[in-house]
Amino acid sequence: MPALSGLEFAGLVNSYSTVIFTTAYREYALDAFEQQAMDYILKPISYERFLQSIEKIRAHLHVRHLPAPAVEPFFFVKGGAGNKFIRIDAADITHITAASNYIEIYLQEQKILTYMSLGEVAAKLPAAGFSRIHKSHIVNHHFIKSLTYGQLTLNDDMKLPIGRVYRKAFHQLLKSSFRGGKQNGRT
């Protein structure tokens, strides 16, 4: 694709499409699955492998039509001193950062380290108000102080990079949030 790479394109359409990568390159598989790819098929593609991928999509579409469980405004993680269960209120999260096999959940008053993937914690968050802005960062929109093309600053002056793959979709999301309200003194 001349204007976008396959990974960039997947980042833009994965919320309303099912994406399967077909490629001769193994090294991009992890990046593809971070973009929520349904499958990653290496060329040359056998008919059996193709059918296996199609069956995976069918199963996914069937599950997608089931009613989604309600996301609670809070969840529990294991962490802190004594490895206890800690209640996390989604509204208190400023951002979440992946750190090796752990994530750091930054709250307004503290930071919690827990063994969990960024994808696992994203599934526990309400869809509205949170965005993945980098392969290692999720941000709560309510705590964004300022934004440039490649970086945002939170209310506590923490600066976070906006990944190339996530940049365009994130900027579009923020632009669309201004369409219904006042912007620069205009309605």
N, C-alpha and C. Protein backbone atom coordinates (compact mmCIF):
# COMPACT_ATOMS: atom_id res chain seq x y z
N MET A 1 0.85 -1.18 0.00
CA MET A 1 0.00 0.00 0.00
C MET A 1 0.89 1.24 0.00
N PRO A 2 0.69 2.14 -0.93
CA PRO A 2 1.59 3.28 -1.04
C PRO A 2 1.48 4.29 0.10
N ALA A 3 0.27 4.64 0.56
CA ALA A 3 0.11 5.69 1.56
C ALA A 3 0.25 5.19 2.99
N LEU A 4 -0.19 3.97 3.26
CA LEU A 4 -0.14 3.40 4.60
C LEU A 4 0.47 2.01 4.56
N SER A 5 1.13 1.63 5.63
CA SER A 5 1.57 0.23 5.73
C SER A 5 0.36 -0.60 6.14
N GLY A 6 0.46 -1.89 6.01
CA GLY A 6 -0.63 -2.77 6.42
C GLY A 6 -0.94 -2.63 7.90
N LEU A 7 0.10 -2.44 8.72
CA LEU A 7 -0.09 -2.26 10.16
C LEU A 7 -0.84 -0.97 10.46
N GLU A 8 -0.48 0.11 9.76
CA GLU A 8 -1.17 1.39 9.96
C GLU A 8 -2.64 1.27 9.54
N PHE A 9 -2.87 0.63 8.41
CA PHE A 9 -4.24 0.45 7.92
C PHE A 9 -5.06 -0.37 8.92
N ALA A 10 -4.47 -1.44 9.42
CA ALA A 10 -5.18 -2.28 10.40
C ALA A 10 -5.53 -1.48 11.65
N GLY A 11 -4.65 -0.60 12.08
CA GLY A 11 -4.93 0.24 13.24
C GLY A 11 -6.12 1.15 13.03
N LEU A 12 -6.37 1.52 11.78
CA LEU A 12 -7.50 2.41 11.48
C LEU A 12 -8.82 1.67 11.36
N VAL A 13 -8.79 0.43 10.87
CA VAL A 13 -10.05 -0.28 10.57
C VAL A 13 -10.38 -1.40 11.54
N ASN A 14 -9.49 -1.73 12.46
CA ASN A 14 -9.72 -2.92 13.29
C ASN A 14 -10.91 -2.82 14.23
N SER A 15 -11.41 -1.62 14.50
CA SER A 15 -12.56 -1.51 15.40
C SER A 15 -13.87 -1.88 14.71
N TYR A 16 -13.91 -1.87 13.39
CA TYR A 16 -15.14 -2.22 12.67
C TYR A 16 -14.92 -3.25 11.57
N SER A 17 -13.73 -3.85 11.51
CA SER A 17 -13.44 -4.86 10.51
C SER A 17 -12.65 -6.00 11.14
N THR A 18 -12.66 -7.12 10.45
CA THR A 18 -11.83 -8.25 10.85
C THR A 18 -10.63 -8.27 9.93
N VAL A 19 -9.43 -8.26 10.50
CA VAL A 19 -8.21 -8.14 9.71
C VAL A 19 -7.41 -9.43 9.78
N ILE A 20 -7.00 -9.92 8.60
CA ILE A 20 -6.08 -11.05 8.50
C ILE A 20 -4.89 -10.58 7.68
N PHE A 21 -3.70 -10.77 8.21
CA PHE A 21 -2.50 -10.42 7.47
C PHE A 21 -2.03 -11.64 6.68
N THR A 22 -1.68 -11.44 5.43
CA THR A 22 -1.03 -12.47 4.62
C THR A 22 0.29 -11.87 4.15
N THR A 23 1.39 -12.50 4.51
CA THR A 23 2.69 -11.92 4.24
C THR A 23 3.76 -13.00 4.22
N ALA A 24 4.92 -12.64 3.73
CA ALA A 24 6.07 -13.54 3.74
C ALA A 24 7.01 -13.22 4.90
N TYR A 25 6.65 -12.25 5.73
CA TYR A 25 7.54 -11.77 6.78
C TYR A 25 7.03 -12.16 8.17
N ARG A 26 7.79 -13.01 8.86
CA ARG A 26 7.44 -13.44 10.22
C ARG A 26 7.59 -12.31 11.24
N GLU A 27 8.54 -11.43 11.02
CA GLU A 27 8.92 -10.47 12.05
C GLU A 27 7.84 -9.44 12.41
N TYR A 28 6.77 -9.34 11.64
CA TYR A 28 5.72 -8.38 11.95
C TYR A 28 4.51 -9.01 12.65
N ALA A 29 4.59 -10.28 12.96
CA ALA A 29 3.43 -10.99 13.55
C ALA A 29 3.00 -10.36 14.87
N LEU A 30 3.94 -10.08 15.77
CA LEU A 30 3.58 -9.49 17.06
C LEU A 30 2.89 -8.14 16.87
N ASP A 31 3.45 -7.31 15.98
CA ASP A 31 2.83 -6.00 15.71
C ASP A 31 1.42 -6.17 15.15
N ALA A 32 1.22 -7.18 14.31
CA ALA A 32 -0.11 -7.42 13.72
C ALA A 32 -1.11 -7.78 14.81
N PHE A 33 -0.73 -8.66 15.72
CA PHE A 33 -1.66 -9.05 16.78
C PHE A 33 -1.89 -7.92 17.78
N GLU A 34 -0.92 -7.03 17.94
CA GLU A 34 -1.15 -5.85 18.77
C GLU A 34 -2.19 -4.92 18.13
N GLN A 35 -2.36 -5.04 16.82
CA GLN A 35 -3.39 -4.28 16.10
C GLN A 35 -4.71 -5.05 16.05
N GLN A 36 -4.82 -6.09 16.86
CA GLN A 36 -6.04 -6.91 16.96
C GLN A 36 -6.32 -7.69 15.68
N ALA A 37 -5.27 -8.10 14.96
CA ALA A 37 -5.47 -8.94 13.77
C ALA A 37 -6.11 -10.26 14.19
N MET A 38 -7.00 -10.76 13.37
CA MET A 38 -7.66 -12.03 13.65
C MET A 38 -6.69 -13.18 13.39
N ASP A 39 -5.84 -13.02 12.36
CA ASP A 39 -4.90 -14.09 12.03
C ASP A 39 -3.72 -13.50 11.28
N TYR A 40 -2.65 -14.28 11.18
CA TYR A 40 -1.43 -13.87 10.50
C TYR A 40 -0.96 -15.09 9.72
N ILE A 41 -1.08 -15.05 8.41
CA ILE A 41 -0.78 -16.21 7.58
C ILE A 41 0.49 -15.94 6.78
N LEU A 42 1.42 -16.88 6.87
CA LEU A 42 2.67 -16.75 6.12
C LEU A 42 2.52 -17.38 4.74
N LYS A 43 3.06 -16.71 3.74
CA LYS A 43 3.06 -17.22 2.37
C LYS A 43 4.18 -18.24 2.24
N PRO A 44 4.04 -19.23 1.41
CA PRO A 44 2.88 -19.58 0.59
C PRO A 44 1.76 -20.14 1.47
N ILE A 45 0.53 -19.83 1.10
CA ILE A 45 -0.63 -20.19 1.89
C ILE A 45 -1.24 -21.49 1.38
N SER A 46 -1.37 -22.46 2.28
CA SER A 46 -2.02 -23.72 1.89
C SER A 46 -3.53 -23.55 2.00
N TYR A 47 -4.26 -24.37 1.28
CA TYR A 47 -5.71 -24.32 1.31
C TYR A 47 -6.22 -24.64 2.71
N GLU A 48 -5.59 -25.59 3.39
CA GLU A 48 -5.99 -25.96 4.75
C GLU A 48 -5.82 -24.77 5.70
N ARG A 49 -4.70 -24.07 5.56
CA ARG A 49 -4.43 -22.91 6.43
C ARG A 49 -5.44 -21.79 6.15
N PHE A 50 -5.79 -21.61 4.89
CA PHE A 50 -6.79 -20.62 4.51
C PHE A 50 -8.14 -20.96 5.16
N LEU A 51 -8.56 -22.22 5.08
CA LEU A 51 -9.83 -22.64 5.68
C LEU A 51 -9.81 -22.47 7.20
N GLN A 52 -8.67 -22.75 7.80
CA GLN A 52 -8.53 -22.58 9.25
C GLN A 52 -8.75 -21.11 9.64
N SER A 53 -8.22 -20.21 8.86
CA SER A 53 -8.38 -18.79 9.12
C SER A 53 -9.83 -18.34 8.94
N ILE A 54 -10.48 -18.85 7.90
CA ILE A 54 -11.89 -18.52 7.66
C ILE A 54 -12.76 -19.02 8.81
N GLU A 55 -12.46 -20.22 9.31
CA GLU A 55 -13.22 -20.76 10.43
C GLU A 55 -13.04 -19.90 11.69
N LYS A 56 -11.84 -19.38 11.87
CA LYS A 56 -11.57 -18.50 13.01
C LYS A 56 -12.44 -17.24 12.92
N ILE A 57 -12.59 -16.70 11.72
CA ILE A 57 -13.43 -15.51 11.52
C ILE A 57 -14.89 -15.85 11.80
N ARG A 58 -15.36 -16.98 11.28
CA ARG A 58 -16.76 -17.38 11.52
C ARG A 58 -17.05 -17.47 13.02
N ALA A 59 -16.14 -18.10 13.76
CA ALA A 59 -16.33 -18.24 15.21
C ALA A 59 -16.35 -16.87 15.88
N HIS A 60 -15.47 -16.00 15.43
CA HIS A 60 -15.39 -14.65 16.00
C HIS A 60 -16.67 -13.86 15.72
N LEU A 61 -17.17 -13.94 14.50
CA LEU A 61 -18.40 -13.21 14.15
C LEU A 61 -19.59 -13.73 14.94
N HIS A 62 -19.62 -15.03 15.18
CA HIS A 62 -20.70 -15.60 15.98
C HIS A 62 -20.66 -15.04 17.41
N VAL A 63 -19.48 -14.99 17.98
CA VAL A 63 -19.32 -14.47 19.34
C VAL A 63 -19.64 -12.98 19.38
N ARG A 64 -19.26 -12.23 18.34
CA ARG A 64 -19.51 -10.79 18.30
C ARG A 64 -20.98 -10.44 18.35
N HIS A 65 -21.83 -11.33 17.86
CA HIS A 65 -23.25 -11.05 17.85
C HIS A 65 -23.94 -11.38 19.18
N LEU A 66 -23.20 -11.98 20.10
CA LEU A 66 -23.75 -12.20 21.43
C LEU A 66 -23.73 -10.88 22.18
N PRO A 67 -24.66 -10.66 23.09
CA PRO A 67 -24.64 -9.39 23.82
C PRO A 67 -23.34 -9.25 24.61
N ALA A 68 -22.75 -8.07 24.53
CA ALA A 68 -21.49 -7.82 25.23
C ALA A 68 -21.76 -7.66 26.73
N PRO A 69 -20.88 -8.25 27.55
CA PRO A 69 -21.07 -8.06 28.98
C PRO A 69 -20.85 -6.59 29.34
N ALA A 70 -21.60 -6.11 30.30
CA ALA A 70 -21.45 -4.72 30.73
C ALA A 70 -20.09 -4.54 31.40
N VAL A 71 -19.41 -3.47 31.05
CA VAL A 71 -18.12 -3.17 31.66
C VAL A 71 -18.39 -2.38 32.93
N GLU A 72 -17.86 -2.88 34.02
CA GLU A 72 -18.04 -2.22 35.31
C GLU A 72 -17.18 -0.95 35.36
N PRO A 73 -17.54 0.02 36.17
CA PRO A 73 -16.72 1.22 36.30
C PRO A 73 -15.48 0.98 37.16
N PHE A 74 -15.29 -0.26 37.61
CA PHE A 74 -14.12 -0.62 38.40
C PHE A 74 -13.75 -2.07 38.11
N PHE A 75 -12.54 -2.45 38.49
CA PHE A 75 -12.08 -3.83 38.38
C PHE A 75 -11.01 -4.05 39.44
N PHE A 76 -10.61 -5.30 39.62
CA PHE A 76 -9.60 -5.63 40.61
C PHE A 76 -8.35 -6.16 39.92
N VAL A 77 -7.19 -5.80 40.47
CA VAL A 77 -5.91 -6.34 40.01
C VAL A 77 -5.15 -6.84 41.22
N LYS A 78 -4.24 -7.76 40.97
CA LYS A 78 -3.39 -8.28 42.04
C LYS A 78 -2.08 -7.52 41.99
N GLY A 79 -1.70 -6.93 43.11
CA GLY A 79 -0.46 -6.16 43.13
C GLY A 79 -0.25 -5.51 44.47
N GLY A 80 0.74 -4.62 44.52
CA GLY A 80 1.04 -3.90 45.76
C GLY A 80 1.75 -4.79 46.77
N ALA A 81 1.95 -4.25 47.96
CA ALA A 81 2.61 -4.98 49.04
C ALA A 81 1.74 -6.17 49.44
N GLY A 82 2.32 -7.34 49.52
CA GLY A 82 1.59 -8.54 49.89
C GLY A 82 0.80 -9.16 48.75
N ASN A 83 0.96 -8.61 47.56
CA ASN A 83 0.29 -9.15 46.37
C ASN A 83 -1.22 -9.32 46.59
N LYS A 84 -1.83 -8.29 47.14
CA LYS A 84 -3.26 -8.33 47.45
C LYS A 84 -4.09 -7.87 46.25
N PHE A 85 -5.40 -8.08 46.31
CA PHE A 85 -6.30 -7.60 45.27
C PHE A 85 -6.64 -6.14 45.56
N ILE A 86 -6.47 -5.31 44.56
CA ILE A 86 -6.69 -3.87 44.71
C ILE A 86 -7.79 -3.43 43.75
N ARG A 87 -8.75 -2.69 44.27
CA ARG A 87 -9.83 -2.16 43.43
C ARG A 87 -9.31 -0.94 42.66
N ILE A 88 -9.56 -0.97 41.36
CA ILE A 88 -9.18 0.14 40.49
C ILE A 88 -10.46 0.77 39.94
N ASP A 89 -10.69 2.03 40.24
CA ASP A 89 -11.81 2.76 39.66
C ASP A 89 -11.33 3.35 38.34
N ALA A 90 -12.00 2.99 37.25
CA ALA A 90 -11.58 3.43 35.92
C ALA A 90 -11.46 4.95 35.83
N ALA A 91 -12.34 5.67 36.49
CA ALA A 91 -12.32 7.13 36.43
C ALA A 91 -11.07 7.73 37.07
N ASP A 92 -10.39 6.98 37.95
CA ASP A 92 -9.17 7.47 38.60
C ASP A 92 -7.90 7.20 37.81
N ILE A 93 -8.00 6.40 36.75
CA ILE A 93 -6.82 6.06 35.95
C ILE A 93 -6.45 7.24 35.07
N THR A 94 -5.19 7.69 35.17
CA THR A 94 -4.72 8.74 34.26
C THR A 94 -4.16 8.11 32.99
N HIS A 95 -3.36 7.05 33.18
CA HIS A 95 -2.83 6.31 32.03
C HIS A 95 -2.29 4.97 32.51
N ILE A 96 -2.01 4.11 31.54
CA ILE A 96 -1.48 2.77 31.82
C ILE A 96 -0.30 2.56 30.89
N THR A 97 0.78 2.03 31.45
CA THR A 97 2.00 1.81 30.67
C THR A 97 2.44 0.36 30.79
N ALA A 98 2.78 -0.25 29.66
CA ALA A 98 3.32 -1.61 29.66
C ALA A 98 4.79 -1.55 30.03
N ALA A 99 5.22 -2.45 30.91
CA ALA A 99 6.61 -2.53 31.35
C ALA A 99 7.00 -4.00 31.39
N SER A 100 7.58 -4.48 30.29
CA SER A 100 7.96 -5.89 30.17
C SER A 100 6.72 -6.77 30.29
N ASN A 101 6.67 -7.69 31.26
CA ASN A 101 5.50 -8.56 31.44
C ASN A 101 4.47 -7.97 32.40
N TYR A 102 4.68 -6.75 32.81
CA TYR A 102 3.80 -6.09 33.77
C TYR A 102 3.20 -4.85 33.15
N ILE A 103 2.21 -4.30 33.84
CA ILE A 103 1.71 -2.98 33.48
C ILE A 103 1.75 -2.11 34.72
N GLU A 104 1.93 -0.82 34.49
CA GLU A 104 1.86 0.16 35.56
C GLU A 104 0.57 0.95 35.35
N ILE A 105 -0.31 0.88 36.33
CA ILE A 105 -1.57 1.62 36.28
C ILE A 105 -1.37 2.88 37.10
N TYR A 106 -1.38 4.02 36.42
CA TYR A 106 -1.20 5.30 37.09
C TYR A 106 -2.57 5.86 37.47
N LEU A 107 -2.77 6.02 38.77
CA LEU A 107 -3.99 6.61 39.29
C LEU A 107 -3.67 8.05 39.71
N GLN A 108 -4.68 8.81 40.06
CA GLN A 108 -4.45 10.19 40.47
C GLN A 108 -3.53 10.27 41.69
N GLU A 109 -3.63 9.29 42.59
CA GLU A 109 -2.88 9.35 43.85
C GLU A 109 -1.75 8.33 43.98
N GLN A 110 -1.70 7.33 43.11
CA GLN A 110 -0.68 6.28 43.26
C GLN A 110 -0.45 5.54 41.94
N LYS A 111 0.57 4.69 41.95
CA LYS A 111 0.88 3.84 40.80
C LYS A 111 0.83 2.40 41.28
N ILE A 112 0.20 1.53 40.49
CA ILE A 112 0.09 0.12 40.85
C ILE A 112 0.74 -0.72 39.76
N LEU A 113 1.62 -1.62 40.17
CA LEU A 113 2.29 -2.54 39.26
C LEU A 113 1.61 -3.89 39.37
N THR A 114 1.21 -4.46 38.23
CA THR A 114 0.53 -5.75 38.25
C THR A 114 0.92 -6.58 37.03
N TYR A 115 0.84 -7.89 37.18
CA TYR A 115 1.16 -8.81 36.10
C TYR A 115 -0.08 -8.98 35.23
N MET A 116 -0.09 -8.30 34.10
CA MET A 116 -1.24 -8.32 33.20
C MET A 116 -0.77 -7.69 31.89
N SER A 117 -1.39 -8.06 30.79
CA SER A 117 -1.02 -7.43 29.51
C SER A 117 -1.86 -6.18 29.30
N LEU A 118 -1.39 -5.32 28.42
CA LEU A 118 -2.13 -4.11 28.09
C LEU A 118 -3.48 -4.46 27.47
N GLY A 119 -3.53 -5.50 26.67
CA GLY A 119 -4.78 -5.94 26.06
C GLY A 119 -5.79 -6.42 27.10
N GLU A 120 -5.30 -7.13 28.13
CA GLU A 120 -6.19 -7.61 29.19
C GLU A 120 -6.81 -6.46 29.97
N VAL A 121 -6.00 -5.47 30.30
CA VAL A 121 -6.55 -4.34 31.06
C VAL A 121 -7.45 -3.49 30.17
N ALA A 122 -7.15 -3.38 28.89
CA ALA A 122 -8.00 -2.61 27.97
C ALA A 122 -9.40 -3.20 27.91
N ALA A 123 -9.51 -4.52 27.98
CA ALA A 123 -10.81 -5.18 27.94
C ALA A 123 -11.65 -4.87 29.19
N LYS A 124 -11.01 -4.47 30.26
CA LYS A 124 -11.72 -4.14 31.50
C LYS A 124 -12.15 -2.68 31.57
N LEU A 125 -11.63 -1.86 30.65
CA LEU A 125 -11.92 -0.43 30.68
C LEU A 125 -13.16 -0.09 29.86
N PRO A 126 -13.89 0.95 30.27
CA PRO A 126 -15.00 1.41 29.42
C PRO A 126 -14.42 1.91 28.09
N ALA A 127 -15.07 1.61 26.98
CA ALA A 127 -14.56 2.00 25.67
C ALA A 127 -14.50 3.52 25.53
N ALA A 128 -15.51 4.21 26.02
CA ALA A 128 -15.53 5.66 25.93
C ALA A 128 -14.58 6.25 26.96
N GLY A 129 -13.73 7.15 26.50
CA GLY A 129 -12.85 7.85 27.43
C GLY A 129 -11.44 7.33 27.51
N PHE A 130 -11.16 6.16 26.94
CA PHE A 130 -9.81 5.60 26.97
C PHE A 130 -9.37 5.28 25.55
N SER A 131 -8.09 5.52 25.26
CA SER A 131 -7.54 5.19 23.94
C SER A 131 -6.15 4.60 24.09
N ARG A 132 -5.87 3.65 23.24
CA ARG A 132 -4.50 3.15 23.12
C ARG A 132 -3.79 4.10 22.18
N ILE A 133 -2.71 4.70 22.63
CA ILE A 133 -2.01 5.70 21.83
C ILE A 133 -0.63 5.22 21.39
N HIS A 134 -0.23 4.06 21.87
CA HIS A 134 1.11 3.54 21.61
C HIS A 134 1.08 2.06 21.95
N LYS A 135 2.03 1.30 21.45
CA LYS A 135 2.03 -0.13 21.79
C LYS A 135 2.21 -0.34 23.29
N SER A 136 2.69 0.68 23.99
CA SER A 136 2.93 0.57 25.43
C SER A 136 2.07 1.48 26.30
N HIS A 137 1.11 2.22 25.71
CA HIS A 137 0.36 3.20 26.51
C HIS A 137 -1.13 3.25 26.18
N ILE A 138 -1.94 3.32 27.24
CA ILE A 138 -3.36 3.63 27.14
C ILE A 138 -3.56 4.90 27.97
N VAL A 139 -4.38 5.82 27.48
CA VAL A 139 -4.57 7.09 28.18
C VAL A 139 -6.06 7.35 28.42
N ASN A 140 -6.35 7.99 29.55
CA ASN A 140 -7.70 8.44 29.88
C ASN A 140 -7.85 9.85 29.33
N HIS A 141 -8.81 10.06 28.43
CA HIS A 141 -9.00 11.36 27.78
C HIS A 141 -9.21 12.50 28.78
N HIS A 142 -9.80 12.21 29.92
CA HIS A 142 -10.11 13.25 30.91
C HIS A 142 -8.86 13.88 31.53
N PHE A 143 -7.70 13.24 31.36
CA PHE A 143 -6.48 13.75 31.98
C PHE A 143 -5.50 14.32 30.95
N ILE A 144 -5.94 14.50 29.71
CA ILE A 144 -5.07 15.08 28.68
C ILE A 144 -5.08 16.60 28.83
N LYS A 145 -3.88 17.16 28.98
CA LYS A 145 -3.73 18.61 29.14
C LYS A 145 -3.49 19.27 27.79
N SER A 146 -2.59 18.68 26.99
CA SER A 146 -2.29 19.25 25.67
C SER A 146 -1.83 18.14 24.74
N LEU A 147 -1.80 18.48 23.46
CA LEU A 147 -1.54 17.47 22.44
C LEU A 147 -0.78 18.09 21.29
N THR A 148 0.26 17.41 20.85
CA THR A 148 0.92 17.76 19.59
C THR A 148 0.78 16.54 18.70
N TYR A 149 1.33 16.61 17.51
CA TYR A 149 1.15 15.52 16.56
C TYR A 149 1.70 14.19 17.09
N GLY A 150 2.84 14.19 17.74
CA GLY A 150 3.46 12.94 18.15
C GLY A 150 3.54 12.71 19.65
N GLN A 151 2.92 13.59 20.43
CA GLN A 151 3.05 13.47 21.89
C GLN A 151 1.87 14.16 22.58
N LEU A 152 1.51 13.64 23.74
CA LEU A 152 0.51 14.33 24.54
C LEU A 152 1.06 14.56 25.93
N THR A 153 0.51 15.55 26.60
CA THR A 153 0.90 15.89 27.97
C THR A 153 -0.32 15.73 28.85
N LEU A 154 -0.13 15.03 29.96
CA LEU A 154 -1.22 14.83 30.92
C LEU A 154 -1.27 15.99 31.91
N ASN A 155 -2.33 16.05 32.70
CA ASN A 155 -2.50 17.12 33.69
C ASN A 155 -1.33 17.23 34.66
N ASP A 156 -0.67 16.10 34.96
CA ASP A 156 0.46 16.12 35.89
C ASP A 156 1.79 16.39 35.17
N ASP A 157 1.71 16.85 33.92
CA ASP A 157 2.85 17.19 33.05
C ASP A 157 3.64 15.97 32.57
N MET A 158 3.13 14.77 32.78
CA MET A 158 3.73 13.56 32.22
C MET A 158 3.55 13.62 30.71
N LYS A 159 4.61 13.35 29.95
CA LYS A 159 4.55 13.35 28.49
C LYS A 159 4.56 11.91 28.00
N LEU A 160 3.66 11.59 27.07
CA LEU A 160 3.57 10.25 26.50
C LEU A 160 3.63 10.34 24.99
N PRO A 161 4.39 9.44 24.36
CA PRO A 161 4.45 9.45 22.89
C PRO A 161 3.17 8.87 22.30
N ILE A 162 2.80 9.37 21.13
CA ILE A 162 1.69 8.79 20.38
C ILE A 162 2.33 8.00 19.25
N GLY A 163 2.15 6.69 19.27
CA GLY A 163 2.78 5.81 18.29
C GLY A 163 2.30 6.09 16.87
N ARG A 164 3.18 5.91 15.93
CA ARG A 164 2.90 6.16 14.52
C ARG A 164 1.67 5.38 14.06
N VAL A 165 1.54 4.15 14.48
CA VAL A 165 0.43 3.29 14.07
C VAL A 165 -0.90 3.79 14.64
N TYR A 166 -0.89 4.40 15.81
CA TYR A 166 -2.11 4.83 16.49
C TYR A 166 -2.46 6.30 16.24
N ARG A 167 -1.51 7.06 15.74
CA ARG A 167 -1.61 8.52 15.65
C ARG A 167 -2.84 9.02 14.90
N LYS A 168 -3.02 8.56 13.69
CA LYS A 168 -4.10 9.09 12.85
C LYS A 168 -5.47 8.78 13.46
N ALA A 169 -5.68 7.55 13.89
CA ALA A 169 -6.97 7.17 14.48
C ALA A 169 -7.23 7.95 15.77
N PHE A 170 -6.21 8.15 16.58
CA PHE A 170 -6.38 8.89 17.84
C PHE A 170 -6.74 10.35 17.57
N HIS A 171 -6.05 10.98 16.63
CA HIS A 171 -6.36 12.37 16.30
C HIS A 171 -7.78 12.49 15.73
N GLN A 172 -8.20 11.53 14.92
CA GLN A 172 -9.57 11.54 14.38
C GLN A 172 -10.59 11.42 15.51
N LEU A 173 -10.32 10.54 16.45
CA LEU A 173 -11.22 10.36 17.59
C LEU A 173 -11.37 11.66 18.38
N LEU A 174 -10.26 12.33 18.64
CA LEU A 174 -10.32 13.58 19.39
C LEU A 174 -11.03 14.67 18.59
N LYS A 175 -10.78 14.75 17.28
CA LYS A 175 -11.47 15.74 16.45
C LYS A 175 -12.97 15.51 16.47
N SER A 176 -13.38 14.25 16.39
CA SER A 176 -14.82 13.95 16.37
C SER A 176 -15.47 14.30 17.70
N SER A 177 -14.72 14.29 18.79
CA SER A 177 -15.30 14.63 20.10
C SER A 177 -15.59 16.12 20.21
N PHE A 178 -15.00 16.95 19.34
CA PHE A 178 -15.25 18.38 19.36
C PHE A 178 -16.42 18.79 18.48
N ARG A 179 -16.89 17.92 17.64
CA ARG A 179 -17.93 18.28 16.67
C ARG A 179 -19.25 18.67 17.30
N GLY A 180 -19.59 18.09 18.45
CA GLY A 180 -20.88 18.38 19.06
C GLY A 180 -20.86 19.54 20.03
N GLY A 181 -19.70 20.00 20.46
CA GLY A 181 -19.64 21.03 21.49
C GLY A 181 -19.00 22.30 20.99
N LYS A 182 -18.65 23.17 21.94
CA LYS A 182 -18.02 24.44 21.58
C LYS A 182 -16.55 24.21 21.28
N GLN A 183 -16.07 24.98 20.34
CA GLN A 183 -14.67 24.90 19.96
C GLN A 183 -14.23 26.31 19.58
N ASN A 184 -13.23 26.83 20.23
CA ASN A 184 -12.74 28.18 19.97
C ASN A 184 -13.85 29.23 20.07
N GLY A 185 -14.75 29.09 21.04
CA GLY A 185 -15.80 30.07 21.23
C GLY A 185 -16.98 29.92 20.29
N ARG A 186 -16.93 28.96 19.38
CA ARG A 186 -18.03 28.75 18.43
C ARG A 186 -18.77 27.48 18.80
N THR A 187 -20.00 27.36 18.34
CA THR A 187 -20.77 26.13 18.56
C THR A 187 -20.80 25.30 17.32
